[in-house]
C-alpha cells in the first residue's frame, strides 16, 4: 500500500499519484525567512494554470515516459482542442484548471469548463478515452471540494477529479 509500480502503471495509479500531490506540497519552497545566511528568501509561488501544469509535469514525467504537454487533438469544426497533459499509454488526459475565485459560481464555472473540454477532447479521437480533472483552488475553499469533485466526476469521460487547495504555508498577504 502507498506504492506505485513504475512498470505497468495503471490509470488507478495515476489517480493515486495525483491525489497525493498535496502531501508533496509540505516541503514546497515558500520561505518567510532566509534558510541560510548567504541565501535570499525564496518563494516558488503558483500563480496560474501553467505553473500547476509545470508542477504536475515534474511529478509525472519520471513515471510516464510518454507524457506529453499541450497535446494537440483532432480539430472539431472551428475548434482546435489542446489538452494540458496527456499520457497516451493510459489513454488519459490530465486537464488542469486554476480556480481564482471562491463560491458556488466559481465551482460552477470550473464544472462547465471541464464539461466543455471533455466533450471536445473525447469526441473525435480514438487515442484517449478518459480525463482526470486537476483543479488548483487558489482560495483554499475546502468546504466546496466534495460537491465539486462529485460534480466533475459525473461528467462523461471524467474518471476522477483532484482538487488541490493552496497550502496554508503559501497564503497570500491580505491587501
Protein backbone atom coordinates (compact mmCIF):
# COMPACT_ATOMS: atom_id res chain seq x y z
CA UNK A 1 0.00 0.00 0.00
CA UNK A 2 1.16 3.51 -0.74
CA UNK A 3 3.50 2.42 -3.51
CA UNK A 4 3.05 2.78 -7.25
CA UNK A 5 4.90 0.40 -9.55
CA UNK A 6 6.93 2.20 -12.19
CA UNK A 7 6.34 -0.55 -14.73
CA UNK A 8 2.78 -1.48 -15.57
CA UNK A 9 1.34 1.68 -14.07
CA UNK A 10 -2.46 1.81 -14.41
CA UNK A 11 -4.98 4.63 -14.51
CA UNK A 12 -5.80 3.99 -10.85
CA UNK A 13 -2.10 4.50 -10.03
CA UNK A 14 -2.12 7.82 -11.87
CA UNK A 15 -5.17 8.93 -9.88
CA UNK A 16 -3.50 7.87 -6.61
CA UNK A 17 -0.34 9.77 -7.55
CA UNK A 18 -2.30 12.94 -8.31
CA UNK A 19 -4.36 12.63 -5.14
CA UNK A 20 -1.13 12.66 -3.15
CA UNK A 21 0.29 15.84 -4.68
CA UNK A 22 -1.00 17.69 -1.61
CA UNK A 23 1.41 15.65 0.51
CA UNK A 24 4.37 16.75 -1.62
CA UNK A 25 3.48 20.40 -1.05
CA UNK A 26 4.63 20.04 2.58
CA UNK A 27 8.23 20.77 1.56
CA UNK A 28 7.46 23.19 -1.27
CA UNK A 29 9.77 26.20 -1.08
CA UNK A 30 7.82 29.21 0.15
CA UNK A 31 10.05 30.89 2.68
CA UNK A 32 9.28 33.68 5.10
CA UNK A 33 12.89 33.97 6.23
CA UNK A 34 16.33 33.11 4.86
CA UNK A 35 17.25 29.43 5.18
CA UNK A 36 20.99 30.13 5.19
CA UNK A 37 22.97 33.31 5.92
CA UNK A 38 24.03 33.73 2.28
CA UNK A 39 20.75 32.88 0.57
CA UNK A 40 17.84 35.06 -0.38
CA UNK A 41 14.27 34.39 0.67
CA UNK A 42 12.72 32.18 -1.99
CA UNK A 43 9.02 31.72 -2.78
CA UNK A 44 8.08 29.28 -5.52
CA UNK A 45 4.64 30.74 -6.00
CA UNK A 46 1.97 29.11 -8.09
CA UNK A 47 0.11 31.92 -9.82
CA UNK A 48 -1.59 30.37 -12.84
CA UNK A 49 -2.59 27.21 -14.66
CA UNK A 50 0.78 26.92 -16.39
CA UNK A 51 2.56 26.78 -13.02
CA UNK A 52 0.26 23.91 -11.96
CA UNK A 53 1.00 22.13 -15.25
CA UNK A 54 4.73 22.53 -14.56
CA UNK A 55 4.29 21.10 -11.05
CA UNK A 56 2.43 18.09 -12.44
CA UNK A 57 4.98 17.62 -15.25
CA UNK A 58 7.74 17.45 -12.62
CA UNK A 59 5.85 14.73 -10.75
CA UNK A 60 4.58 12.72 -13.72
CA UNK A 61 7.45 12.84 -16.25
CA UNK A 62 9.75 10.43 -14.36
CA UNK A 63 6.91 7.89 -14.12
CA UNK A 64 5.32 8.23 -17.57
CA UNK A 65 7.90 8.35 -20.36
CA UNK A 66 5.20 9.15 -22.91
CA UNK A 67 3.83 12.18 -21.01
CA UNK A 68 3.01 14.97 -23.45
CA UNK A 69 2.41 18.65 -22.74
CA UNK A 70 -0.08 20.81 -24.63
CA UNK A 71 -1.15 17.85 -26.80
CA UNK A 72 -2.96 18.95 -29.96
CA UNK A 73 -6.06 16.85 -30.58
CA UNK A 74 -8.04 16.43 -33.81
CA UNK A 75 -9.98 19.52 -34.85
CA UNK A 76 -13.73 19.68 -34.37
CA UNK A 77 -15.17 22.20 -36.77
CA UNK A 78 -13.53 25.52 -35.98
CA UNK A 79 -12.15 24.30 -32.65
CA UNK A 80 -8.59 23.04 -32.32
CA UNK A 81 -8.57 21.40 -28.89
CA UNK A 82 -5.34 21.13 -26.94
CA UNK A 83 -5.05 19.02 -23.80
CA UNK A 84 -2.86 20.24 -20.93
CA UNK A 85 -1.13 16.92 -20.20
CA UNK A 86 -1.64 13.61 -21.96
CA UNK A 87 -0.48 10.07 -21.31
CA UNK A 88 -1.15 8.05 -24.46
CA UNK A 89 -0.16 4.72 -22.88
CA UNK A 90 -3.03 5.16 -20.39
CA UNK A 91 -5.31 6.82 -22.96
CA UNK A 92 -5.75 9.59 -20.39
CA UNK A 93 -5.70 13.37 -20.40
CA UNK A 94 -4.97 15.40 -17.27
CA UNK A 95 -6.85 18.67 -17.62
CA UNK A 96 -5.66 21.43 -15.28
CA UNK A 97 -7.80 24.29 -14.03
CA UNK A 98 -6.86 27.22 -11.80
CA UNK A 99 -9.73 28.44 -9.61
CA UNK A 100 -9.01 32.04 -8.55
CA UNK A 101 -12.43 32.90 -7.11
CA UNK A 102 -14.40 31.33 -4.31
CA UNK A 103 -18.02 30.30 -4.00
CA UNK A 104 -20.52 28.25 -5.90
CA UNK A 105 -20.29 30.33 -9.08
CA UNK A 106 -16.53 29.67 -9.32
CA UNK A 107 -17.14 25.94 -8.87
CA UNK A 108 -19.91 26.03 -11.48
CA UNK A 109 -17.54 27.73 -13.93
CA UNK A 110 -14.90 25.02 -13.42
CA UNK A 111 -17.56 22.34 -13.94
CA UNK A 112 -18.70 24.00 -17.19
CA UNK A 113 -15.13 24.27 -18.46
CA UNK A 114 -14.34 20.61 -17.73
CA UNK A 115 -17.63 19.51 -19.34
CA UNK A 116 -16.78 21.51 -22.48
CA UNK A 117 -13.24 20.11 -22.53
CA UNK A 118 -14.47 16.53 -22.13
CA UNK A 119 -16.93 16.89 -24.98
CA UNK A 120 -14.20 18.25 -27.27
CA UNK A 121 -11.31 16.04 -26.20
CA UNK A 122 -13.04 12.69 -26.30
CA UNK A 123 -15.46 13.08 -29.21
CA UNK A 124 -13.09 12.96 -32.16
CA UNK A 125 -10.23 10.70 -31.14
CA UNK A 126 -9.53 7.07 -30.51
CA UNK A 127 -6.25 7.96 -28.78
CA UNK A 128 -7.83 9.00 -25.43
CA UNK A 129 -10.85 7.72 -23.53
CA UNK A 130 -10.66 9.40 -20.12
CA UNK A 131 -9.89 12.66 -18.39
CA UNK A 132 -8.65 13.45 -14.92
CA UNK A 133 -9.60 16.95 -13.82
CA UNK A 134 -6.93 18.55 -11.64
CA UNK A 135 -8.03 21.82 -10.01
CA UNK A 136 -5.76 24.19 -8.10
CA UNK A 137 -8.02 26.03 -5.64
CA UNK A 138 -6.22 29.30 -5.03
CA UNK A 139 -8.78 30.33 -2.38
CA UNK A 140 -8.47 27.06 -0.42
CA UNK A 141 -12.24 26.77 -0.07
CA UNK A 142 -12.16 23.17 1.06
CA UNK A 143 -15.81 23.25 2.10
CA UNK A 144 -16.69 23.24 -1.63
CA UNK A 145 -14.37 20.39 -2.66
CA UNK A 146 -16.65 17.40 -2.05
CA UNK A 147 -19.51 18.78 -4.12
CA UNK A 148 -17.17 20.00 -6.86
CA UNK A 149 -15.46 16.61 -7.02
CA UNK A 150 -18.78 14.76 -7.23
CA UNK A 151 -20.00 17.11 -9.97
CA UNK A 152 -16.85 16.80 -12.05
CA UNK A 153 -16.82 13.01 -11.76
CA UNK A 154 -20.39 12.82 -13.10
CA UNK A 155 -19.27 14.30 -16.43
CA UNK A 156 -18.99 11.67 -19.16
CA UNK A 157 -15.35 10.78 -19.70
CA UNK A 158 -14.09 12.24 -16.41
CA UNK A 159 -12.75 9.29 -14.42
CA UNK A 160 -11.52 11.32 -11.45
CA UNK A 161 -11.25 14.84 -10.10
CA UNK A 162 -8.46 16.02 -7.84
CA UNK A 163 -8.71 19.38 -6.11
CA UNK A 164 -5.60 20.83 -4.51
CA UNK A 165 -6.12 23.84 -2.24
CA UNK A 166 -3.40 26.45 -1.97
CA UNK A 167 -1.43 25.34 1.08
CA UNK A 168 -1.74 27.48 4.20
CA UNK A 169 2.03 27.96 4.17
CA UNK A 170 1.62 29.69 0.79
CA UNK A 171 -1.07 32.08 1.98
CA UNK A 172 -1.03 35.36 0.12
CA UNK A 173 -0.96 38.55 2.17
CA UNK A 174 -4.36 40.20 2.50
CA UNK A 175 -4.47 43.57 0.79
